[in-house]
N, C-alpha and C. Protein backbone atom coordinates (compact mmCIF):
# COMPACT_ATOMS: atom_id res chain seq x y z
N UNK A 1 -3.33 10.34 0.41
CA UNK A 1 -2.94 9.55 1.38
C UNK A 1 -2.15 10.06 2.20
N UNK A 2 -1.68 9.91 3.75
CA UNK A 2 -0.41 10.35 4.22
C UNK A 2 0.00 8.35 4.82
N UNK A 3 1.32 9.16 5.47
CA UNK A 3 1.66 7.63 6.18
C UNK A 3 0.81 7.77 7.23
N UNK A 4 0.63 6.50 8.31
CA UNK A 4 -0.04 6.34 9.17
C UNK A 4 0.67 6.96 9.94
N UNK A 5 0.36 8.22 10.36
CA UNK A 5 1.38 9.19 11.44
C UNK A 5 1.24 8.75 12.98
N UNK A 6 -0.02 7.96 13.70
CA UNK A 6 0.15 7.99 14.88
C UNK A 6 0.19 5.96 14.85
N UNK A 7 0.96 5.86 14.83
CA UNK A 7 1.48 4.03 15.25
C UNK A 7 1.18 3.57 16.31
N UNK A 8 0.38 4.31 17.56
CA UNK A 8 0.12 3.80 18.80
C UNK A 8 -1.32 4.35 19.07
N UNK A 9 -1.68 4.89 17.86
CA UNK A 9 -3.14 5.16 18.01
C UNK A 9 -4.11 3.75 17.61
N UNK A 10 -5.22 3.74 18.78
CA UNK A 10 -5.88 2.65 18.79
C UNK A 10 -6.51 2.09 17.35
N UNK A 11 -6.94 2.83 16.35
CA UNK A 11 -7.42 2.29 15.27
C UNK A 11 -5.73 1.61 14.45
N UNK A 12 -5.03 2.17 14.59
CA UNK A 12 -3.73 2.07 13.98
C UNK A 12 -3.42 0.31 14.27
N UNK A 13 -3.45 0.20 16.01
CA UNK A 13 -2.99 -0.74 16.53
C UNK A 13 -4.00 -1.89 15.93
N UNK A 14 -5.35 -1.59 15.94
CA UNK A 14 -6.03 -2.73 16.00
C UNK A 14 -6.29 -3.30 14.58
N UNK A 15 -6.18 -2.17 13.56
CA UNK A 15 -5.83 -2.65 12.22
C UNK A 15 -4.51 -3.42 11.83
N UNK A 16 -3.25 -2.98 12.29
CA UNK A 16 -1.96 -3.52 12.19
C UNK A 16 -2.49 -5.59 12.81
N UNK A 17 -2.98 -5.60 13.75
CA UNK A 17 -3.30 -6.74 14.68
C UNK A 17 -4.18 -7.61 13.50
N UNK A 18 -4.98 -7.19 12.73
CA UNK A 18 -5.97 -7.68 11.98
C UNK A 18 -5.37 -8.34 10.71
N UNK A 19 -4.32 -7.38 10.16
CA UNK A 19 -3.53 -8.16 9.31
C UNK A 19 -2.21 -8.92 9.52
N UNK A 20 -1.87 -8.79 10.58
CA UNK A 20 -0.63 -9.17 11.21
C UNK A 20 -0.50 -9.74 12.58
N UNK A 21 -1.05 -10.30 12.98
CA UNK A 21 -1.40 -11.08 14.72
C UNK A 21 -0.22 -10.79 15.28
N UNK A 22 -0.13 -10.35 16.52
CA UNK A 22 0.83 -10.52 17.31
C UNK A 22 2.56 -9.48 16.41
N UNK A 23 2.46 -8.47 15.91
CA UNK A 23 3.13 -7.78 15.83
C UNK A 23 2.73 -6.05 15.51
N UNK A 24 3.25 -5.35 15.75
CA UNK A 24 3.24 -3.99 15.82
C UNK A 24 4.33 -3.02 14.88
N UNK A 25 3.09 -2.12 14.31
CA UNK A 25 3.59 -1.45 13.20
C UNK A 25 4.85 -0.52 14.24
N UNK A 26 5.56 -0.16 12.79
CA UNK A 26 7.33 0.91 13.51
C UNK A 26 7.63 1.63 12.14
N UNK A 27 7.98 2.55 12.63
CA UNK A 27 8.42 3.37 11.55
C UNK A 27 9.93 3.12 11.28
N UNK A 28 9.78 3.11 10.04
CA UNK A 28 10.93 3.16 9.09
C UNK A 28 11.41 4.22 8.14
N UNK A 29 12.91 4.48 8.51
CA UNK A 29 13.49 5.50 7.19
C UNK A 29 12.95 5.66 6.29
N UNK A 30 13.12 6.19 5.16
CA UNK A 30 12.81 6.33 3.94
C UNK A 30 13.97 6.74 3.16
N UNK A 31 14.61 5.81 2.51
CA UNK A 31 15.87 6.15 2.07
C UNK A 31 15.86 5.31 0.52
N UNK A 32 14.98 6.80 -0.38
CA UNK A 32 15.09 6.14 -1.88
C UNK A 32 16.40 5.54 -2.14
N UNK A 33 16.43 4.12 -3.39
CA UNK A 33 17.78 3.99 -4.02
C UNK A 33 17.46 4.69 -5.93
N UNK A 34 18.75 5.66 -5.82
CA UNK A 34 18.22 6.38 -7.09
C UNK A 34 18.56 5.70 -8.51
N UNK A 35 17.45 5.98 -9.29
CA UNK A 35 17.37 5.45 -10.71
C UNK A 35 17.05 4.03 -10.31
N UNK A 36 16.15 4.01 -9.63
CA UNK A 36 15.36 2.83 -9.67
C UNK A 36 13.53 2.64 -9.96
N UNK A 37 13.03 2.02 -10.41
CA UNK A 37 11.91 2.40 -10.79
C UNK A 37 11.02 2.39 -9.21
N UNK A 38 9.53 3.57 -9.87
CA UNK A 38 8.28 3.98 -8.62
C UNK A 38 8.28 2.44 -7.94
N UNK A 39 8.01 3.03 -6.76
CA UNK A 39 6.59 1.85 -5.93
C UNK A 39 7.13 0.21 -6.66
N UNK A 40 8.57 -0.03 -7.04
CA UNK A 40 8.99 -1.96 -6.94
C UNK A 40 9.74 -2.49 -6.09
N UNK A 41 8.62 -1.60 -4.98
CA UNK A 41 9.96 -2.60 -3.93
C UNK A 41 10.55 -3.99 -3.73
N UNK A 42 9.98 -4.79 -4.26
CA UNK A 42 10.21 -6.42 -4.24
C UNK A 42 11.80 -6.28 -4.73
N UNK A 43 11.90 -6.18 -5.93
CA UNK A 43 13.33 -6.61 -6.64
C UNK A 43 14.29 -5.26 -6.20
N UNK A 44 13.67 -4.27 -5.59
CA UNK A 44 14.68 -3.54 -5.48
C UNK A 44 15.27 -3.34 -4.05
N UNK A 45 14.43 -3.85 -3.23
CA UNK A 45 15.48 -4.68 -2.01
C UNK A 45 15.93 -6.25 -1.86
N UNK A 46 15.44 -6.86 -2.96
CA UNK A 46 15.89 -8.38 -3.01
C UNK A 46 17.48 -8.16 -3.86
N UNK A 47 17.68 -7.17 -4.50
CA UNK A 47 19.08 -6.34 -4.98
C UNK A 47 20.16 -6.02 -4.09
N UNK A 48 19.35 -5.21 -3.15
CA UNK A 48 20.32 -4.67 -2.36
C UNK A 48 20.90 -5.82 -1.18
N UNK A 49 19.97 -6.97 -1.28
CA UNK A 49 20.72 -7.91 0.03
C UNK A 49 21.30 -8.89 -0.91
N UNK A 50 21.57 -8.98 -2.37
CA UNK A 50 22.33 -9.06 -2.68
C UNK A 50 24.04 -8.59 -2.86
N UNK A 51 23.47 -7.26 -3.11
CA UNK A 51 24.82 -6.27 -3.08
C UNK A 51 25.26 -6.15 -1.69
N UNK A 52 25.12 -5.97 -0.66
CA UNK A 52 25.23 -5.30 0.47
C UNK A 52 24.84 -6.56 1.89
N UNK A 53 24.10 -7.43 1.45
CA UNK A 53 23.43 -9.00 2.49
C UNK A 53 22.45 -8.21 3.17
N UNK A 54 22.31 -8.35 4.58
CA UNK A 54 21.06 -8.21 5.17
C UNK A 54 20.17 -8.87 4.88
N UNK A 55 18.93 -8.18 4.83
CA UNK A 55 17.33 -9.54 4.78
C UNK A 55 16.45 -8.33 4.36
N UNK A 56 15.60 -9.51 3.38
CA UNK A 56 14.22 -8.58 2.79
C UNK A 56 13.26 -8.72 3.80
N UNK A 57 12.51 -8.07 4.09
CA UNK A 57 11.46 -8.26 5.33
C UNK A 57 9.95 -7.46 4.51
N UNK A 58 9.13 -8.87 4.05
CA UNK A 58 7.98 -8.88 4.23
C UNK A 58 7.22 -7.97 5.26
N UNK A 59 6.07 -7.38 4.49
CA UNK A 59 5.01 -6.67 5.54
C UNK A 59 3.96 -5.74 4.89
N UNK A 60 3.73 -4.91 5.37
CA UNK A 60 2.34 -4.44 5.04
C UNK A 60 2.91 -2.48 5.77
N UNK A 61 3.11 -1.74 4.19
CA UNK A 61 3.19 -0.30 4.56
C UNK A 61 1.93 0.20 4.97
N UNK A 62 1.52 1.22 5.77
CA UNK A 62 0.07 1.69 6.47
C UNK A 62 0.24 3.09 5.72
N UNK A 63 -1.30 3.33 5.19
CA UNK A 63 -1.75 4.78 4.54
C UNK A 63 -2.45 4.74 5.49
N UNK A 64 -3.28 6.16 5.37
CA UNK A 64 -4.66 6.83 5.86
C UNK A 64 -4.88 7.97 5.50
N UNK A 65 -6.48 8.07 5.51
CA UNK A 65 -6.92 9.41 5.73
C UNK A 65 -7.44 9.34 6.61
N UNK A 66 -6.80 10.26 7.55
CA UNK A 66 -7.07 10.40 8.75
C UNK A 66 -8.22 10.34 8.98
N UNK A 67 -8.93 9.80 10.16
CA UNK A 67 -10.79 9.49 10.24
C UNK A 67 -11.85 9.33 9.18
N UNK A 68 -11.00 8.55 8.20
CA UNK A 68 -11.92 8.24 6.73
C UNK A 68 -11.36 6.98 6.53
N UNK A 69 -10.02 6.33 6.51
CA UNK A 69 -9.92 5.44 6.46
C UNK A 69 -8.79 5.03 5.84
N UNK A 70 -8.53 3.71 6.41
CA UNK A 70 -6.55 3.39 6.72
C UNK A 70 -6.30 2.21 5.53
N UNK A 71 -5.51 2.31 5.19
CA UNK A 71 -4.85 1.27 3.99
C UNK A 71 -3.61 0.54 4.52
N UNK A 72 -3.42 -0.78 4.09
CA UNK A 72 -2.28 -1.23 4.22
C UNK A 72 -1.67 -2.22 2.72
N UNK A 73 -0.28 -1.82 2.40
CA UNK A 73 -0.18 -2.03 1.10
C UNK A 73 0.96 -3.18 1.20
N UNK A 74 0.92 -3.90 0.53
CA UNK A 74 1.68 -4.87 0.55
C UNK A 74 3.08 -4.40 0.59
N UNK A 75 4.36 -4.90 1.47
CA UNK A 75 5.54 -4.02 0.96
C UNK A 75 6.73 -4.71 1.69
N UNK A 76 7.98 -4.52 0.99
CA UNK A 76 9.30 -4.58 1.16
C UNK A 76 10.03 -3.82 1.75
N UNK A 77 10.84 -4.05 2.74
CA UNK A 77 12.13 -3.26 3.53
C UNK A 77 13.20 -4.17 3.67
N UNK A 78 14.45 -3.39 3.55
CA UNK A 78 15.45 -3.90 3.91
C UNK A 78 16.44 -3.31 5.23
N UNK A 79 16.62 -4.51 5.65
CA UNK A 79 17.08 -5.20 6.89
C UNK A 79 19.24 -5.43 6.75
N UNK A 80 19.68 -3.57 7.18
CA UNK A 80 20.73 -4.14 6.62
C UNK A 80 22.06 -4.98 7.99
N UNK A 81 22.91 -5.31 7.41
CA UNK A 81 23.61 -6.44 8.68
C UNK A 81 23.48 -5.79 9.35
N UNK A 82 23.71 -4.62 9.90
CA UNK A 82 23.90 -3.76 10.79
C UNK A 82 22.20 -3.59 11.96
N UNK A 83 21.89 -4.34 11.19
CA UNK A 83 20.34 -4.08 12.21
C UNK A 83 19.42 -2.90 11.60
N UNK A 84 19.94 -1.90 10.72
CA UNK A 84 19.11 -0.74 10.40
C UNK A 84 17.90 -1.51 9.72
N UNK A 85 16.68 -1.16 9.54
CA UNK A 85 15.44 -1.08 8.92
C UNK A 85 15.55 0.02 8.05
N UNK A 86 15.20 -0.05 6.56
CA UNK A 86 15.14 1.00 5.46
C UNK A 86 14.23 0.28 4.20
N UNK A 87 13.54 1.86 3.97
CA UNK A 87 12.69 1.39 2.71
C UNK A 87 13.67 2.18 1.72
N UNK A 88 13.49 1.23 0.38
CA UNK A 88 14.51 1.68 -0.40
C UNK A 88 13.97 2.56 -1.49
N UNK A 89 12.42 2.27 -1.49
CA UNK A 89 11.47 2.67 -2.79
C UNK A 89 11.41 3.83 -2.89
N UNK A 90 11.81 4.42 -4.19
CA UNK A 90 11.34 5.89 -4.50
C UNK A 90 10.28 5.66 -5.06
N UNK A 91 9.06 7.02 -4.90
CA UNK A 91 8.13 7.49 -4.73
C UNK A 91 7.60 8.49 -5.56
N UNK A 92 6.58 8.96 -5.94
CA UNK A 92 6.70 10.30 -6.74
C UNK A 92 6.27 11.29 -5.48
N UNK A 93 6.04 11.16 -4.39
CA UNK A 93 5.88 11.77 -3.71
C UNK A 93 6.67 11.43 -2.06
N UNK A 94 7.79 11.83 -2.08
CA UNK A 94 9.02 11.18 -1.35
C UNK A 94 8.07 11.49 0.52
N UNK A 95 8.57 10.84 1.00
CA UNK A 95 8.40 10.73 2.62
C UNK A 95 9.73 10.64 3.33
N UNK A 96 9.87 10.83 4.57
CA UNK A 96 11.10 10.53 5.68
C UNK A 96 10.95 8.86 6.32
N UNK A 97 9.77 8.75 6.34
CA UNK A 97 9.53 7.60 7.00
C UNK A 97 8.07 6.85 6.29
N UNK A 98 7.85 5.92 6.67
CA UNK A 98 6.72 4.80 7.01
C UNK A 98 6.09 4.34 7.49
N UNK A 99 5.15 3.66 8.23
CA UNK A 99 4.64 3.17 8.79
C UNK A 99 4.73 1.83 8.40
N UNK A 100 5.06 0.66 9.06
CA UNK A 100 5.26 -0.70 7.95
C UNK A 100 5.01 -1.60 9.67
N UNK A 101 4.37 -2.65 9.30
CA UNK A 101 3.96 -4.01 10.09
C UNK A 101 4.72 -5.39 8.91
N UNK A 102 5.55 -5.64 9.79
CA UNK A 102 5.84 -6.94 9.40
C UNK A 102 5.02 -7.97 9.24
N UNK A 103 5.37 -9.18 8.74
CA UNK A 103 4.25 -9.98 8.21
C UNK A 103 4.81 -11.17 7.86
N UNK A 104 5.52 -12.23 8.91
CA UNK A 104 6.17 -12.98 8.67
C UNK A 104 6.02 -14.07 8.37
N UNK A 105 4.21 -14.15 7.75
CA UNK A 105 3.07 -15.44 7.04
C UNK A 105 3.16 -15.33 5.54
N UNK A 106 3.81 -13.61 4.85
CA UNK A 106 3.78 -13.60 3.79
C UNK A 106 5.31 -13.56 2.84
N UNK A 107 5.23 -13.68 1.44
CA UNK A 107 6.17 -13.57 0.83
C UNK A 107 5.81 -12.94 -0.58
N UNK A 108 6.37 -13.00 -1.21
CA UNK A 108 5.70 -12.08 -2.73
C UNK A 108 6.26 -12.88 -3.51
N UNK A 109 5.15 -12.98 -4.35
CA UNK A 109 5.16 -14.98 -5.23
C UNK A 109 5.42 -14.18 -6.61
N UNK A 110 5.53 -12.87 -6.98
CA UNK A 110 5.58 -12.45 -8.20
C UNK A 110 4.17 -11.96 -8.88
N UNK A 111 3.64 -11.84 -7.84
CA UNK A 111 1.47 -11.58 -8.16
C UNK A 111 1.02 -10.05 -7.52
N UNK A 112 0.68 -9.55 -7.81
CA UNK A 112 0.02 -8.36 -7.19
C UNK A 112 -0.86 -9.03 -6.12
N UNK A 113 -1.05 -8.19 -4.95
CA UNK A 113 -1.69 -8.31 -3.76
C UNK A 113 -2.36 -7.09 -3.61
N UNK A 114 -3.45 -7.51 -3.52
CA UNK A 114 -4.62 -5.95 -3.58
C UNK A 114 -4.44 -5.87 -1.95
N UNK A 115 -4.26 -4.45 -1.40
CA UNK A 115 -4.19 -3.99 -0.76
C UNK A 115 -5.74 -4.04 0.39
N UNK A 116 -4.96 -3.56 2.43
CA UNK A 116 -6.14 -4.37 2.79
C UNK A 116 -6.41 -2.51 3.39
N UNK A 117 -8.04 -2.40 2.92
CA UNK A 117 -8.69 -0.91 3.37
C UNK A 117 -9.75 -1.53 4.57
N UNK A 118 -9.91 -0.35 5.37
CA UNK A 118 -10.85 -0.27 6.57
C UNK A 118 -11.15 1.02 6.85
N UNK A 119 -12.46 1.42 6.68
CA UNK A 119 -13.27 2.29 6.52
C UNK A 119 -13.63 2.63 8.16
N UNK A 120 -13.02 3.78 8.14
CA UNK A 120 -13.39 4.47 9.54
C UNK A 120 -14.39 5.03 9.93
N UNK A 121 -14.98 5.60 9.54
CA UNK A 121 -15.89 6.92 9.28
C UNK A 121 -17.55 6.08 8.45
N UNK A 122 -18.69 6.01 9.06
CA UNK A 122 -19.76 5.70 8.17
C UNK A 122 -20.14 6.74 7.17
N UNK A 123 -19.74 6.22 5.82
CA UNK A 123 -19.71 7.30 4.72
C UNK A 123 -20.32 6.51 3.81
N UNK A 124 -21.68 6.64 2.90
CA UNK A 124 -22.01 5.72 1.93
C UNK A 124 -20.66 6.18 0.70
N UNK A 125 -20.37 7.41 0.56
CA UNK A 125 -19.22 7.64 -0.38
C UNK A 125 -17.62 7.32 0.00
N UNK A 126 -17.84 6.67 0.85
CA UNK A 126 -16.64 6.10 1.11
C UNK A 126 -16.68 4.66 1.11
N UNK A 127 -17.66 3.87 1.60
CA UNK A 127 -17.22 2.76 1.65
C UNK A 127 -17.34 2.36 -0.22
N UNK A 128 -18.82 3.12 -0.79
CA UNK A 128 -18.46 3.15 -2.35
C UNK A 128 -16.68 2.99 -3.26
N UNK A 129 -16.17 4.17 -2.64
CA UNK A 129 -14.73 4.07 -2.85
C UNK A 129 -13.92 2.95 -2.69
N UNK A 130 -13.99 2.74 -1.65
CA UNK A 130 -13.47 1.57 -1.32
C UNK A 130 -13.57 0.27 -2.06
N UNK A 131 -14.76 -0.24 -2.21
CA UNK A 131 -15.53 -0.97 -2.89
C UNK A 131 -14.68 -0.95 -4.60
N UNK A 132 -14.51 0.69 -5.40
CA UNK A 132 -14.65 0.61 -6.49
C UNK A 132 -12.58 0.40 -6.37
N UNK A 133 -11.68 0.73 -5.82
CA UNK A 133 -10.78 0.25 -5.38
C UNK A 133 -10.65 -1.16 -5.19
N UNK A 134 -11.20 -2.10 -4.89
CA UNK A 134 -11.33 -3.23 -4.71
C UNK A 134 -11.54 -3.85 -6.32
N UNK A 135 -12.68 -3.41 -6.73
CA UNK A 135 -12.75 -4.15 -7.82
C UNK A 135 -11.96 -3.43 -9.04
N UNK A 136 -11.39 -2.50 -9.03
CA UNK A 136 -10.11 -1.88 -10.01
C UNK A 136 -9.02 -3.25 -9.94
N UNK A 137 -8.60 -3.20 -8.44
CA UNK A 137 -7.64 -4.49 -8.15
C UNK A 137 -8.16 -5.81 -9.33
N UNK A 138 -9.42 -6.03 -8.75
CA UNK A 138 -9.71 -7.35 -9.45
C UNK A 138 -9.84 -7.47 -11.18
N UNK A 139 -10.41 -6.25 -11.41
CA UNK A 139 -9.84 -6.08 -12.96
C UNK A 139 -8.78 -6.75 -13.48
N UNK A 140 -8.15 -5.60 -12.86
CA UNK A 140 -6.62 -5.62 -13.61
C UNK A 140 -5.50 -6.86 -13.27
N UNK A 141 -6.31 -7.54 -12.54
CA UNK A 141 -5.66 -8.48 -11.95
C UNK A 141 -6.47 -10.07 -11.61
N UNK A 142 -7.24 -9.99 -12.84
CA UNK A 142 -8.15 -11.28 -12.99
C UNK A 142 -7.13 -12.40 -13.74
N UNK A 143 -6.96 -13.75 -13.22
CA UNK A 143 -6.45 -14.34 -13.84
C UNK A 143 -4.93 -14.34 -14.03
N UNK A 144 -4.60 -14.49 -15.38
CA UNK A 144 -3.28 -14.41 -15.28
C UNK A 144 -2.69 -13.05 -15.59
N UNK A 145 -3.48 -12.14 -15.58
CA UNK A 145 -3.25 -10.85 -15.74
C UNK A 145 -2.06 -10.15 -14.36
N UNK A 146 -2.60 -10.72 -12.96
CA UNK A 146 -1.98 -10.90 -11.67
C UNK A 146 -0.20 -11.13 -11.86
N UNK A 147 0.09 -11.76 -13.08
CA UNK A 147 1.70 -11.77 -13.76
C UNK A 147 2.09 -11.13 -14.01
N UNK A 148 1.35 -10.04 -15.02
CA UNK A 148 1.98 -8.99 -15.71
C UNK A 148 1.83 -8.05 -15.57
N UNK A 149 2.97 -7.41 -15.94
CA UNK A 149 3.24 -5.44 -15.84
C UNK A 149 2.72 -4.84 -16.32
N UNK A 150 2.31 -5.20 -18.16
CA UNK A 150 1.99 -4.42 -18.54
C UNK A 150 0.63 -5.18 -19.36
N UNK A 151 -0.30 -4.71 -19.62
CA UNK A 151 -1.71 -5.04 -19.51
C UNK A 151 -2.41 -4.64 -21.07
N UNK A 152 -3.07 -5.28 -21.37
CA UNK A 152 -3.89 -5.42 -22.69
C UNK A 152 -5.22 -6.01 -22.29
N UNK A 153 -6.62 -5.29 -21.84
CA UNK A 153 -7.07 -5.89 -21.40
C UNK A 153 -8.78 -5.84 -22.36
N UNK A 154 -9.41 -6.90 -21.93
CA UNK A 154 -10.68 -7.00 -23.03
C UNK A 154 -11.20 -5.85 -23.20
N UNK A 155 -12.23 -5.36 -24.25
CA UNK A 155 -13.18 -4.65 -24.27
C UNK A 155 -13.80 -3.85 -22.96
N UNK A 156 -14.82 -5.00 -22.76
CA UNK A 156 -15.57 -4.53 -21.69
C UNK A 156 -14.44 -4.20 -20.17
N UNK A 157 -13.29 -5.14 -20.35
CA UNK A 157 -13.20 -4.84 -19.12
C UNK A 157 -12.44 -3.37 -18.98
N UNK A 158 -12.37 -3.16 -20.48
CA UNK A 158 -11.75 -1.50 -20.33
C UNK A 158 -12.64 -0.73 -20.32
N UNK A 159 -13.92 -0.80 -20.75
CA UNK A 159 -14.86 0.22 -20.44
C UNK A 159 -15.29 0.24 -19.16
N UNK A 160 -15.24 -0.95 -18.19
CA UNK A 160 -15.74 -1.37 -16.49
C UNK A 160 -14.70 -0.09 -16.01
N UNK A 161 -13.48 -0.81 -16.28
CA UNK A 161 -12.29 0.13 -15.85
C UNK A 161 -12.46 1.81 -15.84
N UNK A 162 -13.07 2.42 -17.18
CA UNK A 162 -12.82 3.54 -17.42
C UNK A 162 -14.04 4.34 -16.39
N UNK A 163 -14.88 3.51 -15.96
CA UNK A 163 -16.41 3.91 -15.17
C UNK A 163 -15.61 4.03 -13.92
N UNK A 164 -15.52 2.98 -13.97
CA UNK A 164 -14.63 2.72 -12.33
C UNK A 164 -13.71 3.92 -11.83
N UNK A 165 -12.47 4.40 -13.01
CA UNK A 165 -11.76 4.96 -12.83
C UNK A 165 -12.84 6.75 -12.40
N UNK A 166 -13.61 7.05 -13.67
CA UNK A 166 -14.20 8.33 -13.76
C UNK A 166 -14.91 8.11 -12.65
N UNK A 167 -15.76 7.38 -11.65
CA UNK A 167 -16.58 7.68 -10.14
C UNK A 167 -15.08 7.42 -9.13
N UNK A 168 -14.44 6.65 -9.74
CA UNK A 168 -13.04 6.79 -7.94
C UNK A 168 -12.94 8.26 -8.07
N UNK A 169 -12.97 9.21 -8.81
CA UNK A 169 -12.11 10.35 -9.07
C UNK A 169 -12.86 11.55 -8.26
N UNK A 170 -14.64 11.10 -8.73
CA UNK A 170 -15.40 11.59 -8.54
C UNK A 170 -15.73 11.79 -7.02
N UNK A 171 -16.07 10.82 -6.55
CA UNK A 171 -16.15 10.12 -4.87
C UNK A 171 -14.48 10.57 -4.12
N UNK A 172 -13.16 10.38 -4.97
CA UNK A 172 -11.86 11.03 -3.79
C UNK A 172 -11.90 12.64 -3.59
N UNK A 173 -12.94 13.29 -4.92
CA UNK A 173 -12.75 14.83 -4.69
C UNK A 173 -13.75 15.21 -3.76
N UNK A 174 -15.06 14.76 -3.92
CA UNK A 174 -16.00 14.63 -2.94
C UNK A 174 -15.45 14.45 -1.49
N UNK A 175 -14.87 13.48 -1.19
CA UNK A 175 -14.78 12.83 0.00
C UNK A 175 -13.70 13.76 0.71
N UNK A 176 -12.19 13.93 -0.07
CA UNK A 176 -11.10 14.94 0.07
C UNK A 176 -12.23 16.36 0.68
N UNK A 177 -12.76 16.62 -0.01
CA UNK A 177 -13.29 17.91 0.19
C UNK A 177 -14.32 17.75 1.62
N UNK A 178 -14.70 17.12 1.71
CA UNK A 178 -15.70 16.88 2.89
C UNK A 178 -15.02 16.55 4.35
N UNK A 179 -13.73 16.15 4.20
CA UNK A 179 -13.03 15.78 5.14
C UNK A 179 -11.48 16.16 5.62
N UNK A 180 -11.29 17.40 4.53
CA UNK A 180 -10.45 17.98 4.31
C UNK A 180 -9.74 18.69 5.78
N UNK A 181 -10.81 18.60 7.21
CA UNK A 181 -10.50 19.37 8.14
C UNK A 181 -9.66 18.55 8.62
N UNK A 182 -9.77 17.19 8.72
CA UNK A 182 -9.10 16.34 9.16
C UNK A 182 -7.66 15.78 8.89
N UNK A 183 -7.08 16.46 8.09
CA UNK A 183 -5.78 16.52 7.45
C UNK A 183 -4.75 17.46 7.22
């Protein structure tokens, strides 16, 4: 997955409008905070607001596999007292900027939020892969699990999750191989 590269592309504009009407995606500079957990935006930004002022903005980071599918990840960025908007989150793969769609209707409620995904190509492997992503989220966040960060799964759920991961990896390799020319 890469950052949604062209925020003015029709598919990005339509996708953004479907998740946060009347707002537009914009590029946000990435300035990861050292010594903070990977991908843990909500507490990182909240701590920054307390320490330096400004505002926590909730919304969606946009990622895509160009021409294949686009995905919105519930996310939070920091707006400094001077008005600069910055992504403070450390990631395994560093980025210089992300595409971000603010969503004033959302707040972080200490529970996981599934990504929103849209298929861009008519391909059964992509359709199945996106279904497996949704199913994985459902398994990991069923009931009270949505509030937990360390999980112990029942055996039946663990078996389904393992099968899901195995099939997802196989499909992901096949999709990347099929569409590698797009990115």
